[in-house]
PDB file of N, CA and C in Angstrom:
ATOM      1  N   MET A   1      20.277 165.336  36.574  1.00  0.00           N
ATOM      2  CA  MET A   1      21.292 164.803  35.664  1.00  0.00           C
ATOM      3  C   MET A   1      21.561 163.336  35.992  1.00  0.00           C
ATOM      4  N   VAL A   2      21.670 162.542  34.982  1.00  0.00           N
ATOM      5  CA  VAL A   2      21.918 161.110  35.136  1.00  0.00           C
ATOM      6  C   VAL A   2      23.424 160.882  35.269  1.00  0.00           C
ATOM      7  N   SER A   3      23.817 160.005  36.180  1.00  0.00           N
ATOM      8  CA  SER A   3      25.239 159.727  36.382  1.00  0.00           C
ATOM      9  C   SER A   3      25.803 158.909  35.218  1.00  0.00           C
ATOM     10  N   ILE A   4      27.104 158.989  35.057  1.00  0.00           N
ATOM     11  CA  ILE A   4      27.769 158.207  34.014  1.00  0.00           C
ATOM     12  C   ILE A   4      27.612 156.711  34.305  1.00  0.00           C
ATOM     13  N   THR A   5      27.647 156.346  35.564  1.00  0.00           N
ATOM     14  CA  THR A   5      27.440 154.942  35.932  1.00  0.00           C
ATOM     15  C   THR A   5      26.070 154.456  35.469  1.00  0.00           C
ATOM     16  N   ASP A   6      25.044 155.263  35.720  1.00  0.00           N
ATOM     17  CA  ASP A   6      23.700 154.886  35.281  1.00  0.00           C
ATOM     18  C   ASP A   6      23.605 154.845  33.760  1.00  0.00           C
ATOM     19  N   LEU A   7      24.278 155.769  33.087  1.00  0.00           N
ATOM     20  CA  LEU A   7      24.271 155.765  31.621  1.00  0.00           C
ATOM     21  C   LEU A   7      24.963 154.523  31.068  1.00  0.00           C
ATOM     22  N   ARG A   8      26.039 154.103  31.712  1.00  0.00           N
ATOM     23  CA  ARG A   8      26.738 152.889  31.261  1.00  0.00           C
ATOM     24  C   ARG A   8      25.852 151.658  31.429  1.00  0.00           C
ATOM     25  N   LYS A   9      25.103 151.613  32.531  1.00  0.00           N
ATOM     26  CA  LYS A   9      24.165 150.498  32.733  1.00  0.00           C
ATOM     27  C   LYS A   9      23.081 150.521  31.654  1.00  0.00           C
ATOM     28  N   ALA A  10      22.540 151.703  31.391  1.00  0.00           N
ATOM     29  CA  ALA A  10      21.500 151.841  30.360  1.00  0.00           C
ATOM     30  C   ALA A  10      22.057 151.497  28.986  1.00  0.00           C
ATOM     31  N   HIS A  11      23.313 151.837  28.746  1.00  0.00           N
ATOM     32  CA  HIS A  11      23.984 151.534  27.477  1.00  0.00           C
ATOM     33  C   HIS A  11      24.009 150.020  27.261  1.00  0.00           C
ATOM     34  N   TYR A  12      24.411 149.306  28.310  1.00  0.00           N
ATOM     35  CA  TYR A  12      24.454 147.844  28.241  1.00  0.00           C
ATOM     36  C   TYR A  12      23.054 147.265  28.021  1.00  0.00           C
ATOM     37  N   ILE A  13      22.105 147.730  28.812  1.00  0.00           N
ATOM     38  CA  ILE A  13      20.735 147.209  28.699  1.00  0.00           C
ATOM     39  C   ILE A  13      20.158 147.472  27.319  1.00  0.00           C
ATOM     40  N   SER A  14      20.392 148.675  26.797  1.00  0.00           N
ATOM     41  CA  SER A  14      19.856 148.988  25.469  1.00  0.00           C
ATOM     42  C   SER A  14      20.531 148.143  24.385  1.00  0.00           C
ATOM     43  N   ALA A  15      21.805 147.835  24.573  1.00  0.00           N
ATOM     44  CA  ALA A  15      22.488 146.943  23.622  1.00  0.00           C
ATOM     45  C   ALA A  15      21.889 145.542  23.679  1.00  0.00           C
ATOM     46  N   LYS A  16      21.564 145.080  24.881  1.00  0.00           N
ATOM     47  CA  LYS A  16      20.934 143.768  25.019  1.00  0.00           C
ATOM     48  C   LYS A  16      19.547 143.747  24.373  1.00  0.00           C
ATOM     49  N   LEU A  17      18.815 144.857  24.466  1.00  0.00           N
ATOM     50  CA  LEU A  17      17.518 144.949  23.796  1.00  0.00           C
ATOM     51  C   LEU A  17      17.671 144.783  22.286  1.00  0.00           C
ATOM     52  N   VAL A  18      18.687 145.442  21.735  1.00  0.00           N
ATOM     53  CA  VAL A  18      18.940 145.323  20.294  1.00  0.00           C
ATOM     54  C   VAL A  18      19.299 143.878  19.955  1.00  0.00           C
ATOM     55  N   GLU A  19      20.132 143.268  20.783  1.00  0.00           N
ATOM     56  CA  GLU A  19      20.529 141.877  20.547  1.00  0.00           C
ATOM     57  C   GLU A  19      19.305 140.948  20.553  1.00  0.00           C
ATOM     58  N   LYS A  20      18.415 141.167  21.513  1.00  0.00           N
ATOM     59  CA  LYS A  20      17.273 140.266  21.684  1.00  0.00           C
ATOM     60  C   LYS A  20      16.120 140.555  20.719  1.00  0.00           C
ATOM     61  N   PHE A  21      15.841 141.850  20.475  1.00  0.00           N
ATOM     62  CA  PHE A  21      14.641 142.208  19.723  1.00  0.00           C
ATOM     63  C   PHE A  21      14.903 142.808  18.339  1.00  0.00           C
ATOM     64  N   GLY A  22      16.171 143.044  18.018  1.00  0.00           N
ATOM     65  CA  GLY A  22      16.509 143.489  16.677  1.00  0.00           C
ATOM     66  C   GLY A  22      16.592 144.995  16.482  1.00  0.00           C
ATOM     67  N   PRO A  23      16.730 145.395  15.233  1.00  0.00           N
ATOM     68  CA  PRO A  23      17.016 146.787  14.878  1.00  0.00           C
ATOM     69  C   PRO A  23      15.928 147.795  15.246  1.00  0.00           C
ATOM     70  N   ASP A  24      14.712 147.334  15.498  1.00  0.00           N
ATOM     71  CA  ASP A  24      13.674 148.276  15.914  1.00  0.00           C
ATOM     72  C   ASP A  24      14.045 148.967  17.227  1.00  0.00           C
ATOM     73  N   TYR A  25      14.940 148.370  17.996  1.00  0.00           N
ATOM     74  CA  TYR A  25      15.337 148.917  19.289  1.00  0.00           C
ATOM     75  C   TYR A  25      16.623 149.746  19.223  1.00  0.00           C
ATOM     76  N   LEU A  26      17.166 149.903  18.029  1.00  0.00           N
ATOM     77  CA  LEU A  26      18.366 150.730  17.870  1.00  0.00           C
ATOM     78  C   LEU A  26      18.144 152.171  18.307  1.00  0.00           C
ATOM     79  N   ILE A  27      16.946 152.669  18.180  1.00  0.00           N
ATOM     80  CA  ILE A  27      16.666 154.050  18.563  1.00  0.00           C
ATOM     81  C   ILE A  27      16.964 154.274  20.052  1.00  0.00           C
ATOM     82  N   PHE A  28      16.668 153.267  20.890  1.00  0.00           N
ATOM     83  CA  PHE A  28      16.965 153.378  22.321  1.00  0.00           C
ATOM     84  C   PHE A  28      18.467 153.374  22.563  1.00  0.00           C
ATOM     85  N   PHE A  29      19.149 152.441  21.876  1.00  0.00           N
ATOM     86  CA  PHE A  29      20.596 152.371  22.009  1.00  0.00           C
ATOM     87  C   PHE A  29      21.249 153.664  21.542  1.00  0.00           C
ATOM     88  N   GLU A  30      20.802 154.183  20.415  1.00  0.00           N
ATOM     89  CA  GLU A  30      21.377 155.408  19.862  1.00  0.00           C
ATOM     90  C   GLU A  30      21.253 156.570  20.845  1.00  0.00           C
ATOM     91  N   ARG A  31      20.097 156.720  21.453  1.00  0.00           N
ATOM     92  CA  ARG A  31      19.876 157.817  22.399  1.00  0.00           C
ATOM     93  C   ARG A  31      20.799 157.709  23.607  1.00  0.00           C
ATOM     94  N   VAL A  32      20.889 156.521  24.189  1.00  0.00           N
ATOM     95  CA  VAL A  32      21.745 156.326  25.355  1.00  0.00           C
ATOM     96  C   VAL A  32      23.212 156.501  24.971  1.00  0.00           C
ATOM     97  N   ASP A  33      23.584 156.015  23.808  1.00  0.00           N
ATOM     98  CA  ASP A  33      24.962 156.143  23.327  1.00  0.00           C
ATOM     99  C   ASP A  33      25.356 157.612  23.227  1.00  0.00           C
ATOM    100  N   LYS A  34      24.503 158.425  22.647  1.00  0.00           N
ATOM    101  CA  LYS A  34      24.787 159.864  22.517  1.00  0.00           C
ATOM    102  C   LYS A  34      24.898 160.520  23.881  1.00  0.00           C
ATOM    103  N   GLU A  35      23.991 160.172  24.787  1.00  0.00           N
ATOM    104  CA  GLU A  35      24.014 160.747  26.138  1.00  0.00           C
ATOM    105  C   GLU A  35      25.291 160.356  26.877  1.00  0.00           C
ATOM    106  N   LEU A  36      25.706 159.112  26.738  1.00  0.00           N
ATOM    107  CA  LEU A  36      26.921 158.639  27.405  1.00  0.00           C
ATOM    108  C   LEU A  36      28.148 159.343  26.853  1.00  0.00           C
ATOM    109  N   ILE A  37      28.252 159.447  25.550  1.00  0.00           N
ATOM    110  CA  ILE A  37      29.394 160.130  24.928  1.00  0.00           C
ATOM    111  C   ILE A  37      29.465 161.577  25.406  1.00  0.00           C
ATOM    112  N   GLU A  38      28.340 162.249  25.441  1.00  0.00           N
ATOM    113  CA  GLU A  38      28.297 163.651  25.876  1.00  0.00           C
ATOM    114  C   GLU A  38      28.687 163.787  27.352  1.00  0.00           C
ATOM    115  N   ALA A  39      28.199 162.903  28.189  1.00  0.00           N
ATOM    116  CA  ALA A  39      28.529 162.950  29.619  1.00  0.00           C
ATOM    117  C   ALA A  39      30.018 162.700  29.852  1.00  0.00           C
ATOM    118  N   GLU A  40      30.582 161.738  29.127  1.00  0.00           N
ATOM    119  CA  GLU A  40      32.020 161.457  29.269  1.00  0.00           C
ATOM    120  C   GLU A  40      32.845 162.636  28.763  1.00  0.00           C
ATOM    121  N   LYS A  41      32.412 163.264  27.692  1.00  0.00           N
ATOM    122  CA  LYS A  41      33.108 164.435  27.164  1.00  0.00           C
ATOM    123  C   LYS A  41      33.101 165.568  28.193  1.00  0.00           C
ATOM    124  N   LYS A  42      31.958 165.819  28.804  1.00  0.00           N
ATOM    125  CA  LYS A  42      31.867 166.869  29.820  1.00  0.00           C
ATOM    126  C   LYS A  42      32.746 166.545  31.021  1.00  0.00           C
ATOM    127  N   GLN A  43      32.750 165.281  31.426  1.00  0.00           N
ATOM    128  CA  GLN A  43      33.590 164.873  32.548  1.00  0.00           C
ATOM    129  C   GLN A  43      35.068 165.126  32.227  1.00  0.00           C
ATOM    130  N   ASP A  44      35.494 164.772  31.030  1.00  0.00           N
ATOM    131  CA  ASP A  44      36.883 164.993  30.617  1.00  0.00           C
ATOM    132  C   ASP A  44      37.220 166.480  30.575  1.00  0.00           C
ATOM    133  N   LEU A  45      36.311 167.288  30.039  1.00  0.00           N
ATOM    134  CA  LEU A  45      36.544 168.734  29.982  1.00  0.00           C
ATOM    135  C   LEU A  45      36.629 169.340  31.378  1.00  0.00           C
ATOM    136  N   MET A  46      35.812 168.839  32.294  1.00  0.00           N
ATOM    137  CA  MET A  46      35.845 169.317  33.663  1.00  0.00           C
ATOM    138  C   MET A  46      37.200 169.022  34.301  1.00  0.00           C
ATOM    139  N   LYS A  47      37.730 167.838  34.074  1.00  0.00           N
ATOM    140  CA  LYS A  47      39.042 167.476  34.592  1.00  0.00           C
ATOM    141  C   LYS A  47      40.114 168.412  34.058  1.00  0.00           C
ATOM    142  N   VAL A  48      40.079 168.692  32.768  1.00  0.00           N
ATOM    143  CA  VAL A  48      41.055 169.599  32.147  1.00  0.00           C
ATOM    144  C   VAL A  48      40.928 170.997  32.740  1.00  0.00           C
ATOM    145  N   ALA A  49      39.710 171.495  32.843  1.00  0.00           N
ATOM    146  CA  ALA A  49      39.489 172.836  33.375  1.00  0.00           C
ATOM    147  C   ALA A  49      40.006 172.943  34.808  1.00  0.00           C
ATOM    148  N   LEU A  50      39.736 171.950  35.626  1.00  0.00           N
ATOM    149  CA  LEU A  50      40.196 171.990  37.018  1.00  0.00           C
ATOM    150  C   LEU A  50      41.710 171.877  37.117  1.00  0.00           C
ATOM    151  N   GLU A  51      42.294 171.085  36.244  1.00  0.00           N
ATOM    152  CA  GLU A  51      43.754 170.977  36.231  1.00  0.00           C
ATOM    153  C   GLU A  51      44.380 172.320  35.867  1.00  0.00           C
ATOM    154  N   ILE A  52      43.847 172.974  34.866  1.00  0.00           N
ATOM    155  CA  ILE A  52      44.352 174.294  34.457  1.00  0.00           C
ATOM    156  C   ILE A  52      44.147 175.305  35.584  1.00  0.00           C
ATOM    157  N   ALA A  53      42.989 175.284  36.210  1.00  0.00           N
ATOM    158  CA  ALA A  53      42.679 176.218  37.288  1.00  0.00           C
ATOM    159  C   ALA A  53      43.621 176.053  38.477  1.00  0.00           C
ATOM    160  N   ASN A  54      44.077 174.836  38.704  1.00  0.00           N
ATOM    161  CA  ASN A  54      44.967 174.564  39.836  1.00  0.00           C
ATOM    162  C   ASN A  54      46.437 174.755  39.516  1.00  0.00           C
ATOM    163  N   HIS A  55      46.763 175.017  38.264  1.00  0.00           N
ATOM    164  CA  HIS A  55      48.141 175.234  37.823  1.00  0.00           C
ATOM    165  C   HIS A  55      48.181 176.410  36.857  1.00  0.00           C
ATOM    166  N   PRO A  56      47.934 177.628  37.354  1.00  0.00           N
ATOM    167  CA  PRO A  56      47.785 178.802  36.466  1.00  0.00           C
ATOM    168  C   PRO A  56      49.044 179.234  35.735  1.00  0.00           C
ATOM    169  N   ASN A  57      50.217 178.783  36.160  1.00  0.00           N
ATOM    170  CA  ASN A  57      51.450 179.245  35.527  1.00  0.00           C
ATOM    171  C   ASN A  57      51.941 178.331  34.414  1.00  0.00           C
ATOM    172  N   ASN A  58      51.177 177.352  34.033  1.00  0.00           N
ATOM    173  CA  ASN A  58      51.592 176.443  32.949  1.00  0.00           C
ATOM    174  C   ASN A  58      51.307 177.016  31.605  1.00  0.00           C
TER     175      ASN A  58
END
């Protein structure tokens, strides 16, 4: 599994590719963007699940 930090770096690099080489490189940006969004969503859900697990009477 790729870390969120690595995905953020790839997100930036892929955006720079689009800036430098144009729309033909959007496919790379799109893929990394989707992966980053999904990883952040999972991270957020994990935080919620652990918070609930540690406070069962709420």
